[in-house]
Amino acid sequence: MSAGGRESIMQFLEKLAAWAQTDRTAIVYGEERLRYAELEARSNAFAHWLLRTLGDDRSPVLLYGHKELALPACMFGALKAGRGYVPVDTSFPPERVRQIVEELRPALIVDLCGLGLEDGRVLSAGELEEILHADSEPVPPSFWIRPEQAAYILFTSGSTGRAKGVQVSAGNIAAFLEGVAPWFDSETENGVILNEISYSFDVSVCALYYGLGHGMLLYTLDRQTLSDPKRLFEALAASGVTLWVSTPSLAELCVPSERFSRALLPRVERFVFCGEVLTEKLSRQMLERFPDVQLINAYGPTEATVLVTAARVTEELLAEGPSVPIGAPFSPVRAWIAGPEGEELPEGEEGELLLAGDCVSPGYLFRPELNARAFFTDPVSGKRGYRTGDLCFIKNGLVYYCGRLDGQVKLNGFRVELEDVENNLVKLPNIARAAVLPVLTDGKPSSLTAFVLLEAPDGLSSLKRTQRLRAALGELVPSYMIPRRIVAVDAFPLNTNGKIDKKALAALL
């Protein structure tokens, strides 16, 4: 990784220290507020404790929680102590958390929400509180994370039923910050960025690194607020948000209400949507409600560090069709379309989107066979490359997304491998086989439906069966991976290859 990458990650931590000399608020979470000075002091305290306690062990630390104010302090403290962190949200079921712990073998587990792991490496919320409030000096930069080291590891859905750990280096984060700057930068003083994405998912990096690096206030929306429309609109009205970064699903929750307009968000300068398909319908609704606000559609896989393409959406762009483009590649990124033999395709032809640049991940943790398939060296740029598995084409320099080449979908901003859900369904009693399909609304996945073959009749009604299986599956996978409907079939239709014919099943949706 280049020296510039090291300078950038150092500059980010140096910016946090500089903002700590002001009286600015860094994060709002419900009734709680955390100032930059407190964030700096607590991250330093945690870093010193890690260095004293773990010594030369630079293994990552696992952070189990949701949106607690202690989490960013632990994240940046880990970086200052020369190690990465692994955020694991409380929406992950205990079985999946144990699987991650077993695979990761972290140096430390910070348990903010009473996970109850019987492990000598666990630090409780009470113990952490004492550590964070201890007096501390700044940590010398010689201890800080190096550009080639994994700054964070995010576990995403895997087709085998086992989550994959995506490593993102400090240098990758530097490349991301360089790429998004033209799309995020603003002259507005005292900016506020929406902080609604779980720290276990990569879109949160926009708030954590771009937002805090620019002295912005992170206005946090937790799960309880997002699930209650009244509380959500009260929070948005109080937020003063200037930069909205979210999945389109959050806006789709809001647009049915006439309150979702300029009057509700008088300071907002731009909406940046990413993580799932932005439909033409929502785009037009947003342009109508917020005619003087920039609407940006962005795209990027976790393996290429959050975002790599973007486009400003206008009425003129929508008129060009055939869908809302995911945009042009950021300046440090090379993006092209490859055919079945790996050949680069001309504009207009559909194929797999390939990416290369300093933003591309070092790879999956402990998965050499997956790394060999997904990552490569780009012969043109000499940079690390990634095969996205996304079917796309390029028109007038803009990339258009056409779907997945495999069984992966984006659902409410979360990446879900359909095979992951299927493999966990067949772990349940009396399930012989399973097939999972996305249900599309306005051309994008809105929910999942599972078809299951029972080993023996269970005598249950469809409703009772669905309720029982959904509850049991909830012990194995996060809630966003649970199908809304579960349908029992007498036999699966098969295609000429002897595989389950999902096209025939789709006709039953």
Protein backbone atom coordinates (compact mmCIF):
# COMPACT_ATOMS: atom_id res chain seq x y z
CA MET A 1 0.00 0.00 0.00
CA SER A 2 1.24 3.48 -0.79
CA ALA A 3 2.68 5.89 1.72
CA GLY A 4 -0.27 8.13 0.90
CA GLY A 5 -2.58 5.55 2.43
CA ARG A 6 -0.68 5.71 5.71
CA GLU A 7 -0.76 9.50 5.67
CA SER A 8 -4.52 9.44 5.13
CA ILE A 9 -5.35 7.11 8.00
CA MET A 10 -2.97 9.05 10.22
CA GLN A 11 -4.61 12.27 9.10
CA PHE A 12 -8.02 10.90 10.06
CA LEU A 13 -6.88 10.12 13.61
CA GLU A 14 -5.10 13.46 13.77
CA LYS A 15 -8.33 15.19 12.69
CA LEU A 16 -10.20 13.52 15.56
CA ALA A 17 -7.60 14.91 17.95
CA ALA A 18 -7.95 18.38 16.39
CA TRP A 19 -11.74 18.36 16.65
CA ALA A 20 -11.31 17.35 20.29
CA GLN A 21 -9.91 20.83 20.95
CA THR A 22 -13.34 22.27 20.14
CA ASP A 23 -16.61 21.98 22.02
CA ARG A 24 -18.32 20.15 19.14
CA THR A 25 -20.68 17.24 19.68
CA ALA A 26 -19.59 14.13 17.79
CA ILE A 27 -22.55 11.76 18.23
CA VAL A 28 -26.16 12.03 19.37
CA TYR A 29 -27.81 8.78 20.45
CA GLY A 30 -31.28 9.26 21.92
CA GLU A 31 -30.88 11.54 24.93
CA GLU A 32 -27.13 10.90 25.09
CA ARG A 33 -24.44 13.09 23.56
CA LEU A 34 -20.75 12.47 23.09
CA ARG A 35 -18.38 15.36 22.44
CA TYR A 36 -15.27 15.03 20.26
CA ALA A 37 -13.13 15.67 23.34
CA GLU A 38 -14.78 12.72 25.11
CA LEU A 39 -14.42 10.49 22.03
CA GLU A 40 -10.71 11.33 21.82
CA ALA A 41 -10.07 10.76 25.54
CA ARG A 42 -11.96 7.46 25.64
CA SER A 43 -10.34 6.10 22.49
CA ASN A 44 -6.92 6.96 23.93
CA ALA A 45 -7.81 5.27 27.22
CA PHE A 46 -8.96 2.12 25.45
CA ALA A 47 -5.85 2.06 23.25
CA HIS A 48 -3.52 2.33 26.25
CA TRP A 49 -5.44 -0.44 28.04
CA LEU A 50 -5.14 -2.70 24.97
CA LEU A 51 -1.41 -2.05 24.70
CA ARG A 52 -0.88 -2.80 28.40
CA THR A 53 -3.15 -5.83 28.48
CA LEU A 54 -2.48 -7.53 25.14
CA GLY A 55 1.09 -6.45 24.52
CA ASP A 56 2.38 -7.56 21.13
CA ASP A 57 -0.79 -9.52 20.30
CA ARG A 58 -2.25 -7.56 17.38
CA SER A 59 -5.26 -9.83 16.85
CA PRO A 60 -8.53 -7.94 16.26
CA VAL A 61 -11.04 -7.14 18.99
CA LEU A 62 -14.69 -8.14 18.61
CA LEU A 63 -17.24 -5.46 19.54
CA TYR A 64 -20.72 -6.78 20.33
CA GLY A 65 -23.42 -4.11 20.52
CA HIS A 66 -25.73 -1.92 18.46
CA LYS A 67 -25.26 1.85 18.50
CA GLU A 68 -23.84 2.44 21.97
CA LEU A 69 -21.65 5.53 22.31
CA ALA A 70 -18.80 3.35 23.57
CA LEU A 71 -18.46 1.55 20.23
CA PRO A 72 -16.71 4.30 18.18
CA ALA A 73 -14.31 4.91 21.07
CA CYS A 74 -13.42 1.21 21.02
CA MET A 75 -13.07 1.21 17.22
CA PHE A 76 -10.67 4.14 17.09
CA GLY A 77 -8.90 2.99 20.25
CA ALA A 78 -8.21 -0.32 18.56
CA LEU A 79 -6.74 1.48 15.52
CA LYS A 80 -4.53 3.58 17.78
CA ALA A 81 -3.32 0.36 19.43
CA GLY A 82 -2.34 -1.08 16.05
CA ARG A 83 -5.11 -3.63 15.64
CA GLY A 84 -8.39 -4.02 13.81
CA TYR A 85 -11.91 -4.41 15.16
CA VAL A 86 -14.90 -6.59 14.27
CA PRO A 87 -18.32 -5.01 14.93
CA VAL A 88 -21.08 -7.58 15.53
CA ASP A 89 -24.62 -6.27 15.89
CA THR A 90 -27.11 -7.53 18.45
CA SER A 91 -29.41 -8.54 15.57
CA PHE A 92 -27.03 -11.47 14.93
CA PRO A 93 -28.36 -14.60 16.66
CA PRO A 94 -26.12 -16.13 19.36
CA GLU A 95 -25.29 -19.15 17.20
CA ARG A 96 -23.88 -16.97 14.43
CA VAL A 97 -21.93 -14.86 16.93
CA ARG A 98 -20.38 -18.02 18.39
CA GLN A 99 -19.47 -19.14 14.87
CA ILE A 100 -17.74 -15.81 14.23
CA VAL A 101 -15.89 -16.00 17.55
CA GLU A 102 -14.76 -19.53 16.78
CA GLU A 103 -13.45 -18.56 13.36
CA LEU A 104 -11.96 -15.21 14.35
CA ARG A 105 -10.41 -16.13 17.71
CA PRO A 106 -10.27 -12.44 18.72
CA ALA A 107 -7.79 -11.11 21.23
CA LEU A 108 -10.72 -9.59 23.16
CA ILE A 109 -14.53 -9.60 23.11
CA VAL A 110 -16.23 -6.38 24.24
CA ASP A 111 -19.75 -7.42 25.24
CA LEU A 112 -21.96 -4.34 25.62
CA CYS A 113 -25.29 -6.17 25.56
CA GLY A 114 -24.97 -9.28 27.73
CA LEU A 115 -24.26 -11.89 25.09
CA GLY A 116 -23.26 -14.30 27.84
CA LEU A 117 -20.27 -15.99 26.21
CA GLU A 118 -18.29 -18.01 28.70
CA ASP A 119 -14.89 -16.92 27.51
CA GLY A 120 -11.93 -15.52 29.38
CA ARG A 121 -11.46 -12.86 26.72
CA VAL A 122 -14.80 -11.13 27.44
CA LEU A 123 -14.93 -7.55 28.72
CA SER A 124 -18.31 -6.51 30.14
CA ALA A 125 -20.00 -3.15 29.66
CA GLY A 126 -19.27 -2.21 33.27
CA GLU A 127 -15.61 -3.11 33.00
CA LEU A 128 -15.32 -1.19 29.74
CA GLU A 129 -16.89 1.89 31.31
CA GLU A 130 -14.13 2.03 33.92
CA ILE A 131 -11.44 1.66 31.25
CA LEU A 132 -12.87 4.38 29.01
CA HIS A 133 -13.04 6.91 31.81
CA ALA A 134 -9.47 6.43 33.01
CA ASP A 135 -7.04 9.31 32.57
CA SER A 136 -4.90 8.90 29.49
CA GLU A 137 -2.39 10.63 27.28
CA PRO A 138 -2.43 10.65 23.47
CA VAL A 139 -1.14 7.43 21.93
CA PRO A 140 2.11 7.90 19.95
CA PRO A 141 1.51 7.43 16.19
CA SER A 142 4.19 4.73 16.13
CA PHE A 143 1.59 2.38 17.65
CA TRP A 144 -1.17 3.22 15.15
CA ILE A 145 -2.57 0.85 12.56
CA ARG A 146 -0.45 0.44 9.42
CA PRO A 147 -1.92 0.85 5.92
CA GLU A 148 -1.65 -2.84 5.04
CA GLN A 149 -3.28 -4.04 8.27
CA ALA A 150 -6.99 -4.92 8.50
CA ALA A 151 -8.67 -1.94 10.17
CA TYR A 152 -11.99 -3.74 10.41
CA ILE A 153 -13.50 -7.09 9.46
CA LEU A 154 -17.18 -7.37 8.54
CA PHE A 155 -18.91 -10.75 8.46
CA THR A 156 -21.35 -11.08 5.57
CA SER A 157 -23.70 -13.82 4.42
CA GLY A 158 -21.93 -16.83 2.87
CA SER A 159 -23.32 -19.40 0.44
CA THR A 160 -22.16 -22.32 2.62
CA GLY A 161 -24.26 -21.18 5.58
CA ARG A 162 -21.09 -19.86 7.25
CA ALA A 163 -20.49 -16.12 7.39
CA LYS A 164 -17.50 -14.69 5.49
CA GLY A 165 -15.14 -12.20 7.13
CA VAL A 166 -14.25 -9.37 4.72
CA GLN A 167 -11.01 -7.68 5.71
CA VAL A 168 -10.73 -3.95 5.01
CA SER A 169 -7.33 -2.37 5.47
CA ALA A 170 -6.44 1.10 6.68
CA GLY A 171 -5.22 1.80 3.15
CA ASN A 172 -8.59 0.72 1.75
CA ILE A 173 -10.34 3.25 4.02
CA ALA A 174 -7.98 5.97 2.78
CA ALA A 175 -8.89 5.13 -0.83
CA PHE A 176 -12.60 5.22 0.06
CA LEU A 177 -12.29 8.67 1.65
CA GLU A 178 -10.50 9.95 -1.45
CA GLY A 179 -13.19 8.51 -3.72
CA VAL A 180 -16.26 9.85 -1.91
CA ALA A 181 -14.90 13.33 -1.24
CA PRO A 182 -16.32 14.95 -4.43
CA TRP A 183 -19.76 13.48 -3.66
CA PHE A 184 -19.87 14.22 0.08
CA ASP A 185 -17.87 17.43 0.57
CA SER A 186 -19.81 20.53 1.60
CA GLU A 187 -19.14 24.13 2.60
CA THR A 188 -21.84 23.96 5.29
CA GLU A 189 -20.62 24.63 8.81
CA ASN A 190 -21.72 22.29 11.60
CA GLY A 191 -22.83 19.54 9.23
CA VAL A 192 -24.97 16.65 10.42
CA ILE A 193 -24.79 13.19 8.87
CA LEU A 194 -27.43 10.51 9.36
CA ASN A 195 -26.13 7.56 11.36
CA GLU A 196 -28.80 4.88 10.93
CA ILE A 197 -26.88 1.88 9.57
CA SER A 198 -25.66 -0.77 12.00
CA TYR A 199 -21.91 -0.65 12.58
CA SER A 200 -21.81 -4.27 11.41
CA PHE A 201 -22.60 -3.11 7.87
CA ASP A 202 -20.23 -1.13 5.72
CA VAL A 203 -22.41 1.88 4.87
CA SER A 204 -21.86 3.00 8.49
CA VAL A 205 -18.26 3.77 7.47
CA CYS A 206 -19.61 6.88 5.71
CA ALA A 207 -20.67 8.37 9.04
CA LEU A 208 -17.80 7.00 11.14
CA TYR A 209 -14.90 8.00 8.90
CA TYR A 210 -16.13 10.70 6.55
CA GLY A 211 -18.52 12.31 9.03
CA LEU A 212 -16.26 12.35 12.08
CA GLY A 213 -13.20 13.17 9.99
CA HIS A 214 -14.99 16.34 8.88
CA GLY A 215 -16.17 17.36 12.32
CA MET A 216 -19.79 16.52 11.61
CA LEU A 217 -22.40 15.48 14.14
CA LEU A 218 -23.53 11.85 13.76
CA TYR A 219 -27.28 11.82 14.37
CA THR A 220 -28.12 8.26 15.35
CA LEU A 221 -31.34 6.39 14.61
CA ASP A 222 -31.59 3.06 16.40
CA ARG A 223 -33.81 0.09 15.58
CA GLN A 224 -36.57 1.17 17.95
CA THR A 225 -36.80 4.59 16.30
CA LEU A 226 -36.75 3.16 12.79
CA SER A 227 -39.58 0.74 13.61
CA ASP A 228 -41.91 3.46 14.96
CA PRO A 229 -43.05 6.02 12.34
CA LYS A 230 -44.02 8.61 14.96
CA ARG A 231 -40.64 8.42 16.69
CA LEU A 232 -38.85 8.36 13.34
CA PHE A 233 -40.41 11.60 12.11
CA GLU A 234 -39.85 13.27 15.48
CA ALA A 235 -36.18 12.29 15.29
CA LEU A 236 -35.80 13.49 11.70
CA ALA A 237 -37.41 16.83 12.56
CA ALA A 238 -34.96 17.29 15.42
CA SER A 239 -31.89 16.07 13.53
CA GLY A 240 -30.85 19.08 11.47
CA VAL A 241 -29.36 16.58 9.01
CA THR A 242 -27.37 18.03 6.09
CA LEU A 243 -26.06 14.78 4.57
CA TRP A 244 -28.45 11.83 4.35
CA VAL A 245 -26.74 8.49 3.60
CA SER A 246 -28.95 5.39 3.73
CA THR A 247 -30.47 2.56 1.78
CA PRO A 248 -33.47 3.55 -0.38
CA SER A 249 -35.67 1.53 2.00
CA LEU A 250 -35.51 4.22 4.68
CA ALA A 251 -36.82 6.85 2.27
CA GLU A 252 -39.48 4.41 1.07
CA LEU A 253 -40.68 4.20 4.67
CA CYS A 254 -40.99 7.97 4.75
CA VAL A 255 -42.44 9.02 1.36
CA PRO A 256 -46.02 7.80 2.04
CA SER A 257 -46.25 10.66 4.54
CA GLU A 258 -46.64 14.20 3.19
CA ARG A 259 -44.51 15.33 6.14
CA PHE A 260 -41.45 13.93 4.37
CA SER A 261 -40.50 17.16 2.64
CA ARG A 262 -38.24 20.20 2.82
CA ALA A 263 -40.12 21.48 5.86
CA LEU A 264 -39.12 18.35 7.81
CA LEU A 265 -35.45 18.54 6.74
CA PRO A 266 -34.74 22.23 6.09
CA ARG A 267 -30.92 21.85 6.15
CA VAL A 268 -30.47 18.73 4.01
CA GLU A 269 -28.14 19.28 1.03
CA ARG A 270 -28.01 15.83 -0.50
CA PHE A 271 -29.43 12.35 -0.30
CA VAL A 272 -26.98 9.53 -0.99
CA PHE A 273 -28.66 6.17 -1.52
CA CYS A 274 -26.71 2.93 -1.64
CA GLY A 275 -26.84 -0.71 -0.54
CA GLU A 276 -29.75 -1.75 -2.76
CA VAL A 277 -31.54 -0.81 -5.97
CA LEU A 278 -32.80 2.77 -6.23
CA THR A 279 -35.98 2.63 -8.29
CA GLU A 280 -37.12 5.21 -10.81
CA LYS A 281 -40.36 5.57 -8.83
CA LEU A 282 -38.57 6.58 -5.61
CA SER A 283 -36.17 8.81 -7.55
CA ARG A 284 -39.06 10.81 -9.00
CA GLN A 285 -40.76 11.05 -5.61
CA MET A 286 -37.56 12.40 -4.05
CA LEU A 287 -37.02 14.92 -6.84
CA GLU A 288 -40.58 16.14 -6.39
CA ARG A 289 -40.37 16.42 -2.60
CA PHE A 290 -36.85 17.90 -2.51
CA PRO A 291 -36.37 19.69 -5.85
CA ASP A 292 -33.37 21.76 -4.67
CA VAL A 293 -31.51 18.85 -2.99
CA GLN A 294 -28.91 16.71 -4.74
CA LEU A 295 -30.04 13.11 -5.22
CA ILE A 296 -27.13 10.68 -5.57
CA ASN A 297 -27.25 6.97 -6.34
CA ALA A 298 -24.08 5.17 -5.23
CA TYR A 299 -22.82 1.60 -5.34
CA GLY A 300 -20.11 -0.56 -3.88
CA PRO A 301 -19.53 -4.03 -2.47
CA THR A 302 -18.05 -4.57 0.99
CA GLU A 303 -15.02 -6.13 -0.71
CA ALA A 304 -14.25 -2.78 -2.41
CA THR A 305 -14.78 -0.64 0.71
CA VAL A 306 -18.30 0.71 0.82
CA LEU A 307 -18.72 2.80 -2.37
CA VAL A 308 -16.93 2.89 -5.74
CA THR A 309 -19.41 4.50 -8.17
CA ALA A 310 -21.96 7.31 -8.01
CA ALA A 311 -24.26 9.38 -10.20
CA ARG A 312 -26.33 12.48 -9.57
CA VAL A 313 -29.92 11.58 -10.41
CA THR A 314 -31.90 14.16 -12.35
CA GLU A 315 -35.04 14.14 -14.47
CA GLU A 316 -32.80 14.28 -17.54
CA LEU A 317 -30.84 11.22 -16.41
CA LEU A 318 -34.03 9.28 -15.69
CA ALA A 319 -35.31 10.09 -19.17
CA GLU A 320 -32.25 8.38 -20.69
CA GLY A 321 -33.25 5.04 -19.05
CA PRO A 322 -33.56 2.12 -18.92
CA SER A 323 -33.08 2.33 -15.12
CA VAL A 324 -31.33 4.48 -12.53
CA PRO A 325 -27.58 4.04 -13.13
CA ILE A 326 -25.28 3.20 -10.24
CA GLY A 327 -22.89 5.76 -11.64
CA ALA A 328 -19.38 6.36 -12.88
CA PRO A 329 -16.40 4.90 -11.03
CA PHE A 330 -14.58 7.10 -8.52
CA SER A 331 -11.33 8.53 -9.85
CA PRO A 332 -9.03 6.03 -8.04
CA VAL A 333 -11.10 3.05 -9.27
CA ARG A 334 -11.01 1.16 -12.56
CA ALA A 335 -14.34 -0.49 -13.44
CA TRP A 336 -15.11 -2.57 -16.50
CA ILE A 337 -17.47 -5.25 -17.81
CA ALA A 338 -16.10 -8.75 -18.43
CA GLY A 339 -17.52 -11.52 -20.61
CA PRO A 340 -17.65 -15.27 -19.86
CA GLU A 341 -13.97 -15.73 -20.77
CA GLY A 342 -12.83 -12.71 -18.82
CA GLU A 343 -12.58 -10.49 -21.89
CA GLU A 344 -13.40 -6.80 -21.51
CA LEU A 345 -16.70 -5.99 -23.22
CA PRO A 346 -17.56 -2.79 -25.10
CA GLU A 347 -20.16 -0.27 -23.93
CA GLY A 348 -23.71 -1.55 -24.04
CA GLU A 349 -22.93 -5.24 -23.55
CA GLU A 350 -23.94 -7.00 -20.34
CA GLY A 351 -21.42 -8.93 -18.29
CA GLU A 352 -19.83 -9.12 -14.86
CA LEU A 353 -18.69 -5.86 -13.27
CA LEU A 354 -15.01 -6.01 -12.26
CA LEU A 355 -13.28 -3.45 -10.05
CA ALA A 356 -9.64 -2.64 -9.36
CA GLY A 357 -7.90 -0.12 -7.13
CA ASP A 358 -6.51 0.58 -3.68
CA CYS A 359 -10.06 0.25 -2.35
CA VAL A 360 -10.15 -3.53 -2.96
CA SER A 361 -9.99 -5.70 0.16
CA PRO A 362 -7.02 -7.93 1.04
CA GLY A 363 -9.57 -10.74 0.95
CA TYR A 364 -11.73 -12.99 3.09
CA LEU A 365 -10.37 -14.09 6.43
CA PHE A 366 -9.07 -17.68 6.34
CA ARG A 367 -10.76 -18.41 2.98
CA PRO A 368 -7.97 -18.98 0.42
CA GLU A 369 -10.27 -20.87 -1.96
CA LEU A 370 -12.77 -17.99 -2.02
CA ASN A 371 -10.00 -15.43 -2.39
CA ALA A 372 -8.63 -17.25 -5.42
CA ARG A 373 -12.03 -17.06 -7.11
CA ALA A 374 -13.00 -13.52 -6.16
CA PHE A 375 -9.75 -11.52 -6.23
CA PHE A 376 -7.04 -11.01 -8.85
CA THR A 377 -4.41 -8.57 -10.06
CA ASP A 378 -5.61 -6.20 -12.77
CA PRO A 379 -3.13 -6.42 -15.68
CA VAL A 380 -3.97 -2.86 -16.80
CA SER A 381 -3.55 -0.92 -13.56
CA GLY A 382 -1.50 -3.44 -11.62
CA LYS A 383 -3.91 -2.96 -8.70
CA ARG A 384 -5.82 -5.59 -6.75
CA GLY A 385 -9.08 -6.51 -8.46
CA TYR A 386 -12.42 -7.97 -7.38
CA ARG A 387 -15.09 -9.90 -9.31
CA THR A 388 -18.36 -8.45 -8.03
CA GLY A 389 -20.75 -11.12 -9.36
CA ASP A 390 -23.02 -8.24 -10.45
CA LEU A 391 -24.47 -8.27 -13.96
CA CYS A 392 -24.02 -4.78 -15.43
CA PHE A 393 -23.44 -2.79 -18.60
CA ILE A 394 -21.91 0.62 -19.27
CA LYS A 395 -23.65 3.38 -21.23
CA ASN A 396 -22.17 6.85 -21.73
CA GLY A 397 -19.61 6.12 -19.05
CA LEU A 398 -22.24 5.18 -16.44
CA VAL A 399 -22.67 1.69 -14.99
CA TYR A 400 -26.16 0.17 -14.98
CA TYR A 401 -26.98 -2.69 -12.62
CA CYS A 402 -28.99 -5.60 -14.06
CA GLY A 403 -28.98 -8.15 -11.23
CA ARG A 404 -26.82 -10.85 -9.68
CA LEU A 405 -24.93 -13.58 -11.49
CA ASP A 406 -25.36 -15.83 -8.46
CA GLY A 407 -27.86 -16.25 -5.67
CA GLN A 408 -27.06 -13.08 -3.76
CA VAL A 409 -29.54 -10.25 -3.21
CA LYS A 410 -29.58 -6.93 -1.39
CA LEU A 411 -32.55 -6.83 0.97
CA ASN A 412 -33.26 -3.60 2.83
CA GLY A 413 -29.58 -2.74 2.46
CA PHE A 414 -28.33 -6.09 3.78
CA ARG A 415 -26.50 -8.54 1.57
CA VAL A 416 -28.10 -11.98 1.72
CA GLU A 417 -26.86 -15.17 0.10
CA LEU A 418 -29.99 -17.17 -0.69
CA GLU A 419 -28.00 -20.39 -0.26
CA ASP A 420 -27.08 -19.27 3.25
CA VAL A 421 -30.77 -19.12 4.16
CA GLU A 422 -31.42 -22.45 2.41
CA ASN A 423 -28.58 -24.22 4.21
CA ASN A 424 -29.83 -23.01 7.56
CA LEU A 425 -33.43 -23.99 6.80
CA VAL A 426 -32.43 -27.60 6.19
CA LYS A 427 -30.81 -27.65 9.63
CA LEU A 428 -34.30 -27.41 11.13
CA PRO A 429 -36.17 -30.57 12.13
CA ASN A 430 -38.36 -32.16 9.43
CA ILE A 431 -36.97 -30.03 6.55
CA ALA A 432 -35.56 -32.18 3.74
CA ARG A 433 -34.80 -29.48 1.17
CA ALA A 434 -35.33 -25.76 0.80
CA ALA A 435 -35.29 -23.12 -1.92
CA VAL A 436 -35.41 -19.39 -1.24
CA LEU A 437 -36.47 -16.70 -3.71
CA PRO A 438 -36.62 -12.92 -3.49
CA VAL A 439 -40.00 -11.25 -3.90
CA LEU A 440 -39.67 -8.18 -6.14
CA THR A 441 -41.52 -4.91 -5.66
CA ASP A 442 -40.93 -2.24 -8.31
CA GLY A 443 -38.06 -4.31 -9.63
CA LYS A 444 -36.12 -4.75 -6.40
CA PRO A 445 -36.14 -7.40 -3.63
CA SER A 446 -38.56 -6.49 -0.85
CA SER A 447 -38.78 -9.80 1.04
CA LEU A 448 -37.96 -13.51 0.81
CA THR A 449 -40.18 -16.54 0.28
CA ALA A 450 -38.95 -20.02 1.14
CA PHE A 451 -40.24 -23.27 -0.36
CA VAL A 452 -39.57 -26.33 1.79
CA LEU A 453 -39.94 -30.07 1.29
CA LEU A 454 -40.98 -31.75 4.54
CA GLU A 455 -39.56 -35.11 5.57
CA ALA A 456 -42.99 -36.07 6.93
CA PRO A 457 -46.40 -34.33 7.15
CA ASP A 458 -46.55 -32.08 10.20
CA GLY A 459 -50.33 -31.56 10.35
CA LEU A 460 -49.93 -27.77 10.67
CA SER A 461 -51.74 -25.05 8.82
CA SER A 462 -49.64 -22.89 6.49
CA LEU A 463 -49.75 -20.00 8.98
CA LYS A 464 -48.76 -22.14 11.98
CA ARG A 465 -45.95 -23.79 10.01
CA THR A 466 -44.58 -20.44 8.87
CA GLN A 467 -44.66 -19.06 12.40
CA ARG A 468 -42.91 -22.11 13.85
CA LEU A 469 -40.20 -22.26 11.16
CA ARG A 470 -39.56 -18.51 11.25
CA ALA A 471 -39.05 -18.68 15.01
CA ALA A 472 -36.70 -21.65 14.71
CA LEU A 473 -34.73 -20.05 11.87
CA GLY A 474 -34.34 -16.93 13.98
CA GLU A 475 -32.06 -18.95 16.27
CA LEU A 476 -29.63 -19.46 13.37
CA VAL A 477 -29.64 -16.35 11.19
CA PRO A 478 -30.20 -12.58 11.62
CA SER A 479 -33.75 -11.32 11.37
CA TYR A 480 -33.23 -9.69 7.97
CA MET A 481 -32.50 -13.15 6.47
CA ILE A 482 -35.76 -14.75 7.64
CA PRO A 483 -38.29 -15.31 4.80
CA ARG A 484 -41.63 -13.59 5.23
CA ARG A 485 -43.44 -16.63 3.79
CA ILE A 486 -42.52 -20.31 4.07
CA VAL A 487 -44.46 -22.59 1.71
CA ALA A 488 -44.47 -26.39 1.92
CA VAL A 489 -44.39 -28.24 -1.42
CA ASP A 490 -45.03 -31.92 -2.23
CA ALA A 491 -42.05 -31.95 -4.63
CA PHE A 492 -39.67 -29.46 -6.18
CA PRO A 493 -39.80 -28.84 -9.94
CA LEU A 494 -36.45 -29.74 -11.51
CA ASN A 495 -34.71 -28.33 -14.56
CA THR A 496 -32.77 -30.30 -17.18
CA ASN A 497 -29.66 -30.28 -14.94
CA GLY A 498 -31.57 -32.00 -12.16
CA LYS A 499 -31.48 -28.88 -10.01
CA ILE A 500 -34.43 -27.14 -8.41
CA ASP A 501 -36.10 -25.04 -11.08
CA LYS A 502 -36.37 -21.68 -9.36
CA LYS A 503 -37.99 -20.10 -12.39
CA ALA A 504 -40.88 -22.55 -12.03
CA LEU A 505 -41.08 -21.75 -8.30
CA ALA A 506 -41.09 -18.03 -9.06
CA ALA A 507 -44.36 -18.54 -10.92
CA LEU A 508 -45.90 -19.53 -7.58
CA LEU A 509 -44.99 -16.27 -5.85
